Protein backbone atom coordinates (compact mmCIF):
# COMPACT_ATOMS: atom_id res chain seq x y z
CA MET A 1 27.68 14.90 -2.28
CA ASN A 2 27.18 17.18 0.82
CA LEU A 3 23.51 17.20 1.18
CA SER A 4 21.98 18.26 4.69
CA PRO A 5 19.21 15.88 5.87
CA MET A 6 15.83 16.13 4.02
CA LYS A 7 12.76 15.85 5.34
CA ASP A 8 10.22 13.65 3.45
CA ILE A 9 10.89 10.53 1.30
CA ILE A 10 8.00 10.74 -1.42
CA VAL A 11 6.34 7.51 -2.60
CA THR A 12 3.73 7.85 -5.66
CA PRO A 13 2.32 5.09 -7.92
CA GLN A 14 3.79 5.15 -11.35
CA GLY A 15 3.62 2.35 -14.22
CA ALA A 16 1.35 0.10 -15.12
CA HIS A 17 0.58 -2.02 -12.39
CA LYS A 18 -0.78 -1.09 -8.80
CA HIS A 19 2.25 -2.51 -7.11
CA SER A 20 4.46 0.02 -9.33
CA GLY A 21 6.03 3.11 -7.61
CA GLN A 22 8.27 6.12 -7.85
CA LEU A 23 10.64 7.10 -4.85
CA HIS A 24 11.89 10.96 -4.76
CA PHE A 25 13.94 11.81 -1.69
CA GLY A 26 16.00 15.23 -2.42
CA PRO A 27 18.03 14.67 -5.95
CA HIS A 28 17.30 10.71 -5.66
CA ARG A 29 14.80 9.34 -8.01
CA ALA A 30 14.10 5.77 -8.38
CA ARG A 31 11.78 2.71 -9.08
CA CYS A 32 10.04 1.17 -5.84
CA ALA A 33 7.68 -1.72 -5.08
CA LEU A 34 4.53 -1.31 -3.44
CA GLY A 35 1.77 -3.74 -2.17
CA ARG A 36 0.19 -6.18 -4.63
CA GLY A 37 -3.02 -4.43 -3.70
CA GLY A 38 -1.87 -0.88 -4.68
CA LEU A 39 -2.32 2.04 -2.08
CA THR A 40 -5.20 2.16 0.61
CA ASP A 41 -6.44 4.99 2.85
CA ASN A 42 -8.29 2.24 4.91
CA LYS A 43 -5.20 -0.40 5.57
CA ARG A 44 -6.64 -3.99 6.91
CA GLU A 45 -4.28 -6.86 8.09
CA GLY A 46 -3.32 -9.06 5.25
CA ASP A 47 -4.98 -6.84 2.53
CA ALA A 48 -1.69 -6.58 0.75
CA LYS A 49 -1.97 -2.74 0.29
CA THR A 50 0.43 0.07 1.14
CA PRO A 51 -1.21 2.44 3.53
CA LEU A 52 -1.39 6.03 2.17
CA GLY A 53 -0.11 8.86 4.95
CA ARG A 54 3.10 10.45 6.09
CA PHE A 55 4.70 8.09 8.67
CA PRO A 56 8.08 8.73 10.53
CA LEU A 57 11.02 6.29 10.09
CA ARG A 58 11.53 5.09 13.69
CA ARG A 59 14.41 2.65 13.32
CA ILE A 60 16.90 0.90 10.92
CA TRP A 61 17.01 -2.88 11.59
CA TYR A 62 20.11 -4.68 9.69
CA ARG A 63 21.28 -8.30 9.77
CA PRO A 64 24.79 -8.35 11.03
CA ASP A 65 26.20 -11.59 8.88
CA ARG A 66 25.13 -9.78 5.59
CA VAL A 67 25.46 -6.00 6.01
CA MET A 68 27.69 -3.78 7.91
CA ARG A 69 26.23 -1.52 10.80
CA PRO A 70 24.65 1.53 9.14
CA GLN A 71 25.60 5.04 9.75
CA ALA A 72 22.87 6.61 10.25
CA GLY A 73 21.19 9.24 12.39
CA LEU A 74 18.22 6.99 13.64
CA PRO A 75 18.21 4.39 16.12
CA ILE A 76 19.62 0.81 14.72
CA VAL A 77 18.44 -2.51 15.81
CA LYS A 78 20.44 -5.99 15.04
CA ILE A 79 18.60 -8.80 13.62
CA SER A 80 18.92 -11.90 15.31
CA GLN A 81 17.51 -15.31 14.40
CA LYS A 82 15.08 -14.95 17.12
CA SER A 83 13.95 -11.59 15.96
CA GLY A 84 10.33 -11.37 14.67
CA TRP A 85 7.07 -9.09 14.36
CA CYS A 86 3.64 -9.91 15.62
CA ASP A 87 0.80 -9.83 13.13
CA ASP A 88 -1.62 -11.72 15.26
CA VAL A 89 -4.74 -9.26 15.46
CA THR A 90 -5.70 -11.46 18.71
CA ALA A 91 -2.37 -10.49 20.50
CA ASP A 92 -1.41 -8.11 22.96
CA CYS A 93 1.76 -7.83 21.16
CA TYR A 94 -0.03 -6.90 17.72
CA ASN A 95 2.45 -4.56 15.52
CA ARG A 96 5.65 -5.03 17.84
CA PRO A 97 9.01 -6.61 17.62
CA ILE A 98 8.97 -9.90 19.32
CA LEU A 99 11.55 -12.89 20.17
CA ARG A 100 10.87 -15.97 18.70
CA PRO A 101 9.68 -18.62 19.33
CA MET A 102 6.27 -17.26 20.52
CA SER A 103 2.76 -18.73 20.18
CA ALA A 104 0.93 -15.85 18.31
CA ARG A 105 1.37 -15.41 14.34
CA HIS A 106 4.34 -13.57 13.43
CA GLU A 107 6.45 -12.99 10.81
CA ARG A 108 10.46 -13.78 10.70
CA LEU A 109 12.88 -10.95 10.30
CA TRP A 110 15.67 -13.26 9.80
CA ARG A 111 14.94 -14.35 6.35
CA HIS A 112 16.61 -16.56 3.80
CA ASP A 113 15.93 -14.06 0.88
CA ARG A 114 17.45 -10.66 1.05
CA LEU A 115 14.31 -8.64 1.98
CA TYR A 116 15.25 -7.60 5.13
CA ASP A 117 19.10 -7.58 5.29
CA VAL A 118 18.25 -3.51 6.02
CA PHE A 119 15.12 -2.02 6.39
CA PHE A 120 13.32 1.21 8.08
CA GLU A 121 10.54 0.75 10.55
CA LEU A 122 7.56 3.13 9.86
CA GLY A 123 5.71 4.69 12.51
CA TYR A 124 2.46 3.08 10.73
CA ASN A 125 -0.15 1.91 13.09
CA ASP A 126 2.14 2.08 16.14
CA ALA A 127 1.14 4.52 18.42
CA PRO A 128 -0.91 2.78 19.85
CA PRO A 129 -1.25 0.07 17.22
CA GLU A 130 -5.03 -0.53 16.35
CA LYS A 131 -5.71 -4.13 15.84
CA GLY A 132 -6.75 -5.05 12.26
CA HIS A 133 -5.08 -1.82 10.79
CA GLY A 134 -2.06 -3.50 9.70
CA SER A 135 1.20 -4.52 10.69
CA ALA A 136 5.05 -4.49 9.52
CA ILE A 137 4.79 -1.71 7.47
CA PHE A 138 8.61 -1.16 6.12
CA LEU A 139 10.98 0.30 3.91
CA HIS A 140 12.84 -2.63 2.43
CA LEU A 141 15.05 -3.98 -0.11
CA GLU A 142 13.33 -5.18 -3.27
CA LYS A 143 12.97 -8.66 -4.45
CA ASP A 144 12.89 -10.24 -7.95
CA ASN A 145 12.71 -7.25 -10.01
CA PHE A 146 10.46 -5.16 -7.78
CA ASN A 147 7.86 -7.82 -7.25
CA PRO A 148 4.91 -6.27 -5.44
CA THR A 149 5.17 -6.58 -1.64
CA LEU A 150 2.44 -7.43 0.85
CA GLY A 151 1.89 -3.46 2.13
CA CYS A 152 5.36 -2.29 2.15
CA VAL A 153 7.36 -0.26 0.09
CA ALA A 154 10.48 -2.05 -1.31
CA VAL A 155 13.67 -0.23 -2.80
CA SER A 156 16.93 -1.40 -4.67
CA PRO A 157 20.25 -1.86 -2.78
CA ALA A 158 21.43 1.32 -4.49
CA SER A 159 18.43 3.09 -2.93
CA MET A 160 18.68 1.88 0.17
CA ARG A 161 22.40 3.14 0.37
CA PHE A 162 21.32 6.72 -0.47
CA LEU A 163 18.22 6.75 2.09
CA LEU A 164 20.66 4.93 4.91
CA ARG A 165 23.03 7.85 4.01
CA TYR A 166 20.89 10.87 4.30
CA ALA A 167 17.84 9.82 6.39
CA GLY A 168 17.93 11.45 9.59
CA PRO A 169 15.59 11.63 12.71
CA ASP A 170 13.29 14.36 11.18
CA THR A 171 12.87 12.30 7.96
CA HIS A 172 9.48 10.99 7.07
CA ILE A 173 8.21 8.71 4.50
CA LEU A 174 5.09 10.29 2.40
CA ILE A 175 2.94 7.55 0.67
CA ALA A 176 0.56 9.44 -1.62
CA ALA A 177 -1.80 8.53 -4.49
CA LYS A 178 -0.35 11.22 -6.78
CA LYS A 179 1.66 14.28 -6.70
């Protein structure tokens, strides 16, 4: 398939559960998981809701012991055992990648499950971060047949491969309540 870079990954709710969604990217249509609390236009830290809006794809993160380095048109970061992401609303590094160990509350990016083997960092609440408005919003791999996320968007490995192949520096994710 010879596709030029496509602009928007479109995510909308679909299905019987608040956390069930549909992802559209060019010809690709696929199931995705959303936050346990559904969608929101007023994201708060810890609410388990996926923020509505249109966000750039900042970087691709990958775990080199499990995934080959992606060939993509975005900056790429290797995840190490020291990689983390600050979700502590009292910390100066809130909603930023950090190196572990650190005293501020944070999420580990090197996980035992495969959720973060490869993921897109979304440009949500990062220019600059507003404390308490949500952190670590990613487009990552789904877990256990599309269980809800804590606010991210999760896709199958096949969908992730498609996104990695065709997403470029001008690609955004549009998370919308309905089409």
